[in-house]
N, C-alpha and C. Protein backbone atom coordinates (compact mmCIF):
# COMPACT_ATOMS: atom_id res chain seq x y z
N MET A 1 0.84 -1.17 0.00
CA MET A 1 0.00 0.00 0.00
C MET A 1 0.88 1.23 0.00
N ASN A 2 0.48 2.18 -0.70
CA ASN A 2 1.21 3.43 -0.79
C ASN A 2 0.29 4.55 -0.31
N PHE A 3 0.63 5.09 0.86
CA PHE A 3 -0.17 6.19 1.40
C PHE A 3 0.57 7.49 1.14
N GLU A 4 -0.15 8.46 0.73
CA GLU A 4 0.44 9.76 0.47
C GLU A 4 -0.51 10.82 0.99
N TRP A 5 0.02 11.71 1.80
CA TRP A 5 -0.81 12.79 2.33
C TRP A 5 -0.87 13.89 1.29
N VAL A 6 -2.03 14.30 1.03
CA VAL A 6 -2.21 15.38 0.08
C VAL A 6 -2.84 16.52 0.85
N GLY A 7 -2.10 17.59 1.00
CA GLY A 7 -2.58 18.73 1.77
C GLY A 7 -3.51 19.59 0.95
N PRO A 8 -4.06 20.60 1.59
CA PRO A 8 -4.95 21.51 0.85
C PRO A 8 -4.18 22.23 -0.26
N ALA A 9 -4.88 22.70 -1.20
CA ALA A 9 -4.28 23.33 -2.37
C ALA A 9 -3.42 24.52 -1.99
N SER A 10 -3.78 25.21 -0.91
CA SER A 10 -3.01 26.39 -0.52
C SER A 10 -1.61 26.01 -0.01
N LEU A 11 -1.44 24.77 0.46
CA LEU A 11 -0.13 24.33 0.96
C LEU A 11 0.70 23.64 -0.10
N ARG A 12 0.10 23.23 -1.19
CA ARG A 12 0.84 22.54 -2.24
C ARG A 12 1.64 23.52 -3.06
N LEU A 13 2.84 23.12 -3.44
CA LEU A 13 3.70 23.97 -4.25
C LEU A 13 3.33 23.81 -5.72
N ARG A 14 3.36 24.93 -6.40
CA ARG A 14 3.15 24.86 -7.84
C ARG A 14 4.45 24.40 -8.47
N SER A 15 4.43 23.96 -9.67
CA SER A 15 5.61 23.37 -10.30
C SER A 15 6.79 24.33 -10.34
N GLY A 16 6.59 25.59 -10.56
CA GLY A 16 7.67 26.56 -10.59
C GLY A 16 8.29 26.74 -9.20
N GLN A 17 7.45 26.74 -8.15
CA GLN A 17 7.94 26.87 -6.79
C GLN A 17 8.76 25.65 -6.39
N ALA A 18 8.32 24.47 -6.79
CA ALA A 18 9.03 23.24 -6.45
C ALA A 18 10.40 23.24 -7.08
N ARG A 19 10.51 23.73 -8.31
CA ARG A 19 11.81 23.77 -8.96
C ARG A 19 12.74 24.75 -8.24
N ARG A 20 12.21 25.88 -7.81
CA ARG A 20 13.04 26.87 -7.14
C ARG A 20 13.56 26.36 -5.79
N LEU A 21 12.79 25.54 -5.07
CA LEU A 21 13.23 25.02 -3.78
C LEU A 21 14.12 23.79 -3.91
N SER A 22 14.16 23.20 -5.08
CA SER A 22 15.00 22.03 -5.24
C SER A 22 16.44 22.44 -5.46
N GLY A 23 17.37 21.56 -5.15
CA GLY A 23 18.79 21.78 -5.41
C GLY A 23 19.39 22.82 -4.50
N ARG A 24 20.11 23.76 -5.10
CA ARG A 24 20.91 24.69 -4.31
C ARG A 24 20.07 25.70 -3.54
N HIS A 25 18.89 26.03 -3.99
CA HIS A 25 18.07 27.01 -3.31
C HIS A 25 17.50 26.48 -1.99
N PHE A 26 17.42 25.18 -1.86
CA PHE A 26 16.88 24.58 -0.65
C PHE A 26 17.90 24.64 0.50
N VAL A 27 19.17 24.82 0.18
CA VAL A 27 20.23 24.87 1.19
C VAL A 27 20.16 26.15 2.02
N PHE A 28 19.78 27.26 1.42
CA PHE A 28 19.76 28.54 2.14
C PHE A 28 18.87 28.51 3.39
N PRO A 29 17.62 28.02 3.30
CA PRO A 29 16.79 27.97 4.52
C PRO A 29 17.41 27.07 5.60
N LEU A 30 18.07 26.00 5.21
CA LEU A 30 18.71 25.12 6.19
C LEU A 30 19.88 25.82 6.88
N ILE A 31 20.65 26.59 6.14
CA ILE A 31 21.77 27.33 6.73
C ILE A 31 21.24 28.38 7.71
N ALA A 32 20.19 29.09 7.30
CA ALA A 32 19.61 30.12 8.17
C ALA A 32 19.08 29.49 9.46
N LEU A 33 18.40 28.36 9.36
CA LEU A 33 17.88 27.67 10.54
C LEU A 33 19.02 27.21 11.43
N SER A 34 20.07 26.67 10.85
CA SER A 34 21.22 26.21 11.61
C SER A 34 21.87 27.35 12.38
N LEU A 35 22.07 28.49 11.73
CA LEU A 35 22.67 29.65 12.39
C LEU A 35 21.79 30.18 13.52
N ALA A 36 20.47 30.16 13.31
CA ALA A 36 19.55 30.63 14.34
C ALA A 36 19.62 29.72 15.57
N LEU A 37 19.67 28.42 15.36
CA LEU A 37 19.77 27.48 16.48
C LEU A 37 21.09 27.65 17.22
N GLN A 38 22.16 27.83 16.49
CA GLN A 38 23.46 28.02 17.12
C GLN A 38 23.49 29.29 17.95
N ALA A 39 22.94 30.37 17.45
CA ALA A 39 22.91 31.64 18.18
C ALA A 39 22.09 31.51 19.45
N SER A 40 20.96 30.79 19.39
CA SER A 40 20.14 30.64 20.60
C SER A 40 20.85 29.77 21.63
N THR A 41 21.60 28.78 21.19
CA THR A 41 22.35 27.93 22.12
C THR A 41 23.43 28.74 22.83
N VAL A 42 24.12 29.61 22.11
CA VAL A 42 25.16 30.44 22.71
C VAL A 42 24.55 31.40 23.73
N SER A 43 23.41 32.01 23.42
CA SER A 43 22.80 32.94 24.36
C SER A 43 22.29 32.22 25.60
N ILE A 44 21.79 31.00 25.45
CA ILE A 44 21.36 30.23 26.62
C ILE A 44 22.55 29.89 27.49
N ALA A 45 23.65 29.48 26.88
CA ALA A 45 24.85 29.12 27.65
C ALA A 45 25.37 30.32 28.43
N LYS A 46 25.28 31.53 27.86
CA LYS A 46 25.77 32.71 28.55
C LYS A 46 24.90 33.09 29.74
N THR A 47 23.60 32.78 29.70
CA THR A 47 22.71 33.19 30.77
C THR A 47 22.63 32.19 31.90
N LYS A 48 23.07 30.97 31.71
CA LYS A 48 23.04 29.98 32.79
C LYS A 48 24.03 30.38 33.87
N HIS A 49 23.66 30.11 35.11
CA HIS A 49 24.54 30.43 36.22
C HIS A 49 25.64 29.40 36.31
N SER A 50 26.83 29.85 36.56
CA SER A 50 27.93 28.92 36.72
C SER A 50 27.85 28.30 38.10
N PRO A 51 28.30 27.05 38.26
CA PRO A 51 28.23 26.40 39.56
C PRO A 51 29.16 27.10 40.55
N PRO A 52 28.83 27.00 41.85
CA PRO A 52 29.70 27.64 42.83
C PRO A 52 31.09 27.01 42.80
N SER A 53 32.08 27.80 43.08
CA SER A 53 33.44 27.27 43.07
C SER A 53 33.60 26.26 44.21
N LEU A 54 34.55 25.37 44.07
CA LEU A 54 34.75 24.34 45.09
C LEU A 54 35.27 24.93 46.39
N THR A 55 36.03 25.99 46.34
CA THR A 55 36.51 26.65 47.55
C THR A 55 36.09 28.11 47.51
N PRO A 56 34.95 28.44 48.14
CA PRO A 56 34.44 29.81 48.06
C PRO A 56 35.40 30.87 48.58
N ASP A 57 36.17 30.55 49.59
CA ASP A 57 37.16 31.49 50.10
C ASP A 57 38.29 30.70 50.73
N PRO A 58 39.40 31.34 51.04
CA PRO A 58 40.58 30.61 51.54
C PRO A 58 40.34 29.83 52.83
N GLY A 59 39.45 30.27 53.71
CA GLY A 59 39.23 29.58 54.97
C GLY A 59 38.35 28.35 54.88
N TYR A 60 37.59 28.22 53.80
CA TYR A 60 36.63 27.11 53.68
C TYR A 60 37.30 25.75 53.78
N ALA A 61 38.34 25.54 53.00
CA ALA A 61 39.00 24.23 52.99
C ALA A 61 39.59 23.90 54.35
N SER A 62 40.16 24.88 55.04
CA SER A 62 40.73 24.63 56.37
C SER A 62 39.63 24.30 57.37
N ALA A 63 38.51 24.99 57.29
CA ALA A 63 37.39 24.71 58.19
C ALA A 63 36.82 23.32 57.92
N LEU A 64 36.71 22.95 56.66
CA LEU A 64 36.22 21.61 56.30
C LEU A 64 37.17 20.54 56.81
N ALA A 65 38.46 20.76 56.69
CA ALA A 65 39.45 19.80 57.19
C ALA A 65 39.33 19.64 58.70
N ALA A 66 39.09 20.74 59.41
CA ALA A 66 38.92 20.66 60.86
C ALA A 66 37.67 19.87 61.23
N ALA A 67 36.57 20.10 60.51
CA ALA A 67 35.35 19.34 60.76
C ALA A 67 35.59 17.86 60.51
N ASN A 68 36.33 17.55 59.47
CA ASN A 68 36.63 16.16 59.14
C ASN A 68 37.49 15.51 60.23
N ARG A 69 38.51 16.22 60.73
CA ARG A 69 39.36 15.68 61.80
C ARG A 69 38.56 15.43 63.07
N PHE A 70 37.66 16.35 63.39
CA PHE A 70 36.84 16.18 64.58
C PHE A 70 35.94 14.96 64.45
N LEU A 71 35.31 14.80 63.29
CA LEU A 71 34.42 13.65 63.10
C LEU A 71 35.19 12.34 63.01
N GLN A 72 36.44 12.39 62.57
CA GLN A 72 37.28 11.19 62.61
C GLN A 72 37.55 10.79 64.06
N ALA A 73 37.77 11.79 64.93
CA ALA A 73 37.95 11.51 66.35
C ALA A 73 36.67 10.89 66.92
N TRP A 74 35.52 11.41 66.52
CA TRP A 74 34.24 10.83 66.95
C TRP A 74 34.11 9.39 66.48
N GLN A 75 34.42 9.16 65.21
CA GLN A 75 34.31 7.82 64.63
C GLN A 75 35.23 6.83 65.32
N ASN A 76 36.44 7.26 65.66
CA ASN A 76 37.43 6.38 66.30
C ASN A 76 37.30 6.35 67.82
N GLN A 77 36.28 7.05 68.34
CA GLN A 77 36.04 7.14 69.79
C GLN A 77 37.26 7.69 70.52
N ASP A 78 37.92 8.66 69.89
CA ASP A 78 39.11 9.29 70.46
C ASP A 78 38.67 10.53 71.24
N HIS A 79 38.29 10.31 72.49
CA HIS A 79 37.77 11.39 73.34
C HIS A 79 38.77 12.53 73.46
N GLU A 80 40.02 12.20 73.70
CA GLU A 80 41.05 13.21 73.95
C GLU A 80 41.22 14.14 72.74
N ALA A 81 41.39 13.55 71.56
CA ALA A 81 41.57 14.37 70.35
C ALA A 81 40.34 15.22 70.08
N GLY A 82 39.16 14.68 70.29
CA GLY A 82 37.93 15.42 70.07
C GLY A 82 37.77 16.57 71.05
N LEU A 83 38.06 16.32 72.31
CA LEU A 83 37.92 17.36 73.33
C LEU A 83 38.90 18.51 73.10
N LEU A 84 40.09 18.20 72.62
CA LEU A 84 41.08 19.24 72.34
C LEU A 84 40.63 20.19 71.23
N MET A 85 39.74 19.73 70.37
CA MET A 85 39.28 20.55 69.25
C MET A 85 38.09 21.43 69.60
N LEU A 86 37.50 21.26 70.79
CA LEU A 86 36.31 22.02 71.17
C LEU A 86 36.69 23.40 71.71
N THR A 87 35.86 24.40 71.41
CA THR A 87 36.05 25.72 72.00
C THR A 87 35.54 25.67 73.44
N ASP A 88 35.87 26.68 74.21
CA ASP A 88 35.38 26.76 75.59
C ASP A 88 33.85 26.84 75.62
N VAL A 89 33.28 27.55 74.66
CA VAL A 89 31.82 27.68 74.58
C VAL A 89 31.18 26.31 74.37
N ALA A 90 31.73 25.51 73.47
CA ALA A 90 31.18 24.17 73.20
C ALA A 90 31.31 23.29 74.44
N LYS A 91 32.42 23.39 75.15
CA LYS A 91 32.61 22.59 76.37
C LYS A 91 31.62 23.02 77.44
N GLN A 92 31.38 24.32 77.58
CA GLN A 92 30.45 24.82 78.59
C GLN A 92 29.01 24.43 78.29
N ASN A 93 28.67 24.30 77.02
CA ASN A 93 27.30 23.94 76.62
C ASN A 93 27.04 22.44 76.63
N SER A 94 28.04 21.64 76.99
CA SER A 94 27.88 20.18 77.01
C SER A 94 28.39 19.64 78.34
N SER A 95 27.62 18.79 78.95
CA SER A 95 28.06 18.16 80.20
C SER A 95 29.10 17.09 79.89
N GLU A 96 29.83 16.70 80.93
CA GLU A 96 30.83 15.64 80.75
C GLU A 96 30.17 14.34 80.32
N ASP A 97 28.98 14.06 80.87
CA ASP A 97 28.27 12.83 80.50
C ASP A 97 27.86 12.86 79.02
N ARG A 98 27.40 14.02 78.56
CA ARG A 98 27.01 14.13 77.15
C ARG A 98 28.21 13.95 76.24
N LEU A 99 29.35 14.56 76.59
CA LEU A 99 30.56 14.41 75.78
C LEU A 99 31.03 12.96 75.77
N GLU A 100 30.95 12.30 76.92
CA GLU A 100 31.35 10.88 77.01
C GLU A 100 30.45 10.04 76.11
N ALA A 101 29.15 10.30 76.18
CA ALA A 101 28.21 9.55 75.34
C ALA A 101 28.42 9.86 73.86
N PHE A 102 28.71 11.12 73.54
CA PHE A 102 28.91 11.51 72.15
C PHE A 102 30.09 10.76 71.53
N PHE A 103 31.19 10.66 72.26
CA PHE A 103 32.37 10.01 71.70
C PHE A 103 32.34 8.49 71.83
N SER A 104 31.25 7.93 72.29
CA SER A 104 31.07 6.48 72.34
C SER A 104 30.19 6.08 71.15
N SER A 105 30.73 6.25 69.99
CA SER A 105 29.95 6.11 68.75
C SER A 105 29.71 4.67 68.32
N GLY A 106 30.51 3.76 68.78
CA GLY A 106 30.32 2.35 68.40
C GLY A 106 31.31 1.91 67.34
N ARG A 107 31.35 0.61 67.16
CA ARG A 107 32.35 -0.01 66.30
C ARG A 107 32.18 0.34 64.83
N ASP A 108 30.96 0.42 64.34
CA ASP A 108 30.71 0.67 62.91
C ASP A 108 30.26 2.11 62.63
N ALA A 109 30.75 3.04 63.39
CA ALA A 109 30.35 4.44 63.22
C ALA A 109 30.86 4.99 61.89
N ALA A 110 30.06 5.86 61.32
CA ALA A 110 30.44 6.53 60.07
C ALA A 110 29.75 7.88 60.04
N TYR A 111 30.22 8.75 59.14
CA TYR A 111 29.64 10.09 59.03
C TYR A 111 29.70 10.58 57.60
N GLU A 112 28.84 11.56 57.33
CA GLU A 112 28.85 12.26 56.05
C GLU A 112 28.87 13.75 56.33
N ILE A 113 29.67 14.46 55.58
CA ILE A 113 29.71 15.92 55.67
C ILE A 113 29.22 16.47 54.34
N ALA A 114 28.23 17.36 54.40
CA ALA A 114 27.71 18.00 53.19
C ALA A 114 28.40 19.34 52.99
N ARG A 115 28.14 19.98 51.85
CA ARG A 115 28.74 21.28 51.54
C ARG A 115 28.36 22.27 52.63
N GLY A 116 29.37 22.94 53.15
CA GLY A 116 29.16 23.91 54.22
C GLY A 116 28.84 25.29 53.69
N ARG A 117 28.53 26.16 54.62
CA ARG A 117 28.25 27.55 54.24
C ARG A 117 28.92 28.47 55.25
N LYS A 118 29.31 29.60 54.77
CA LYS A 118 29.96 30.60 55.61
C LYS A 118 28.89 31.34 56.39
N LEU A 119 29.01 31.35 57.70
CA LEU A 119 28.06 32.09 58.54
C LEU A 119 28.49 33.54 58.66
N LYS A 120 29.78 33.74 58.87
CA LYS A 120 30.41 35.06 58.87
C LYS A 120 31.90 34.80 58.79
N ALA A 121 32.70 35.83 58.79
CA ALA A 121 34.15 35.66 58.65
C ALA A 121 34.67 34.74 59.75
N GLY A 122 35.35 33.68 59.33
CA GLY A 122 35.95 32.76 60.29
C GLY A 122 34.97 31.82 60.97
N ARG A 123 33.78 31.63 60.40
CA ARG A 123 32.76 30.76 61.02
C ARG A 123 31.97 30.05 59.92
N TYR A 124 31.96 28.72 59.96
CA TYR A 124 31.29 27.91 58.95
C TYR A 124 30.41 26.86 59.61
N ALA A 125 29.32 26.52 58.94
CA ALA A 125 28.44 25.44 59.38
C ALA A 125 28.44 24.36 58.31
N PHE A 126 28.60 23.11 58.75
CA PHE A 126 28.60 21.97 57.84
C PHE A 126 27.50 21.00 58.26
N PRO A 127 26.53 20.74 57.38
CA PRO A 127 25.53 19.71 57.70
C PRO A 127 26.21 18.35 57.76
N VAL A 128 25.85 17.56 58.76
CA VAL A 128 26.44 16.23 58.92
C VAL A 128 25.35 15.20 59.19
N ALA A 129 25.65 13.97 58.88
CA ALA A 129 24.81 12.83 59.24
C ALA A 129 25.72 11.85 59.96
N LEU A 130 25.34 11.48 61.18
CA LEU A 130 26.13 10.54 61.98
C LEU A 130 25.45 9.19 61.98
N PHE A 131 26.21 8.18 61.62
CA PHE A 131 25.73 6.80 61.63
C PHE A 131 26.44 6.10 62.78
N ALA A 132 25.75 5.89 63.89
CA ALA A 132 26.37 5.28 65.07
C ALA A 132 25.73 3.92 65.31
N SER A 133 26.51 3.02 65.87
CA SER A 133 25.98 1.67 66.10
C SER A 133 25.51 1.46 67.54
N ARG A 134 25.47 2.52 68.31
CA ARG A 134 24.97 2.37 69.68
C ARG A 134 23.59 3.00 69.80
N ALA A 135 22.83 2.59 70.77
CA ALA A 135 21.48 3.11 70.98
C ALA A 135 21.54 4.58 71.40
N GLY A 136 20.57 5.34 70.98
CA GLY A 136 20.48 6.73 71.40
C GLY A 136 21.02 7.73 70.40
N ILE A 137 21.95 7.35 69.55
CA ILE A 137 22.50 8.29 68.57
C ILE A 137 21.89 8.04 67.20
N GLY A 138 21.62 6.82 66.86
CA GLY A 138 21.08 6.50 65.54
C GLY A 138 21.66 5.19 65.06
N ASN A 139 21.29 4.81 63.86
CA ASN A 139 21.87 3.61 63.25
C ASN A 139 21.93 3.81 61.76
N ALA A 140 22.34 2.76 61.06
CA ALA A 140 22.51 2.90 59.61
C ALA A 140 21.20 3.27 58.92
N ALA A 141 20.07 2.80 59.45
CA ALA A 141 18.79 3.11 58.82
C ALA A 141 18.33 4.53 59.14
N HIS A 142 18.68 5.04 60.32
CA HIS A 142 18.23 6.37 60.76
C HIS A 142 19.40 7.17 61.31
N PRO A 143 20.16 7.82 60.44
CA PRO A 143 21.28 8.61 60.95
C PRO A 143 20.80 9.85 61.69
N GLN A 144 21.64 10.33 62.58
CA GLN A 144 21.35 11.59 63.27
C GLN A 144 21.83 12.72 62.37
N LYS A 145 20.91 13.57 61.95
CA LYS A 145 21.27 14.70 61.08
C LYS A 145 21.38 15.94 61.93
N SER A 146 22.44 16.68 61.69
CA SER A 146 22.69 17.87 62.49
C SER A 146 23.65 18.76 61.71
N ALA A 147 24.29 19.67 62.43
CA ALA A 147 25.29 20.54 61.81
C ALA A 147 26.43 20.72 62.80
N ILE A 148 27.60 20.91 62.25
CA ILE A 148 28.78 21.18 63.07
C ILE A 148 29.25 22.59 62.71
N VAL A 149 29.56 23.39 63.71
CA VAL A 149 30.01 24.76 63.47
C VAL A 149 31.49 24.83 63.80
N VAL A 150 32.25 25.32 62.83
CA VAL A 150 33.71 25.42 62.95
C VAL A 150 34.07 26.90 62.95
N VAL A 151 34.95 27.30 63.90
CA VAL A 151 35.37 28.70 63.99
C VAL A 151 36.89 28.80 63.95
N ARG A 152 37.35 29.94 63.46
CA ARG A 152 38.79 30.20 63.44
C ARG A 152 39.22 30.49 64.88
N ALA A 153 40.22 29.75 65.36
CA ALA A 153 40.69 29.90 66.74
C ALA A 153 42.06 30.55 66.80
N GLY A 154 42.67 30.76 65.69
CA GLY A 154 43.99 31.36 65.60
C GLY A 154 44.34 31.52 64.14
N LYS A 155 45.57 31.88 63.86
CA LYS A 155 45.96 32.12 62.46
C LYS A 155 45.70 30.91 61.59
N ASP A 156 46.21 29.77 61.98
CA ASP A 156 46.01 28.54 61.21
C ASP A 156 45.30 27.47 62.02
N GLU A 157 44.51 27.88 63.00
CA GLU A 157 43.84 26.92 63.87
C GLU A 157 42.33 27.07 63.76
N TRP A 158 41.65 25.95 63.80
CA TRP A 158 40.18 25.92 63.75
C TRP A 158 39.70 25.08 64.91
N ALA A 159 38.52 25.42 65.42
CA ALA A 159 37.95 24.69 66.55
C ALA A 159 36.46 24.45 66.30
N ILE A 160 35.92 23.49 67.04
CA ILE A 160 34.51 23.15 66.92
C ILE A 160 33.75 23.95 67.97
N ASP A 161 32.80 24.76 67.52
CA ASP A 161 32.05 25.63 68.42
C ASP A 161 30.67 25.08 68.73
N LYS A 162 30.21 24.15 67.91
CA LYS A 162 28.89 23.53 68.15
C LYS A 162 28.97 22.07 67.73
N LEU A 163 28.63 21.20 68.67
CA LEU A 163 28.62 19.77 68.39
C LEU A 163 27.41 19.40 67.54
N PRO A 164 27.54 18.34 66.78
CA PRO A 164 26.37 17.86 66.03
C PRO A 164 25.32 17.30 66.96
């Protein structure tokens, strides 16, 4: 079977028009369409927002490293290393029993740190998820989600100002 759509007479080309669109004359509309598409693609690319840089400012990477070291101490149940990283404010806001319980994370403890944000100069907050294997903190199915606040404590020193 051979099906052929036959449009209304107003859409059909007359023989002279068909000859003019055949061959080399048919290339011009294709070139014009191609250039129009290319121009619109370039303008769209220019208007899209560029992704945030990986290190928004010089202190970000150092603050992130400090948060990572602190959470490694939590994961390894290294009370001493973790306590040394706390500011006086963080120590005053946590009882000894709470700190002892916090650093008793369990054998299969793990953590995730999400992209942080600058709160103000020398102060960053990092969302974290703690996966602890002991009761009261969480487990693999239900991690404890919180944030850790890291502050500049000296020229090249960072401290934890808020526990997760």
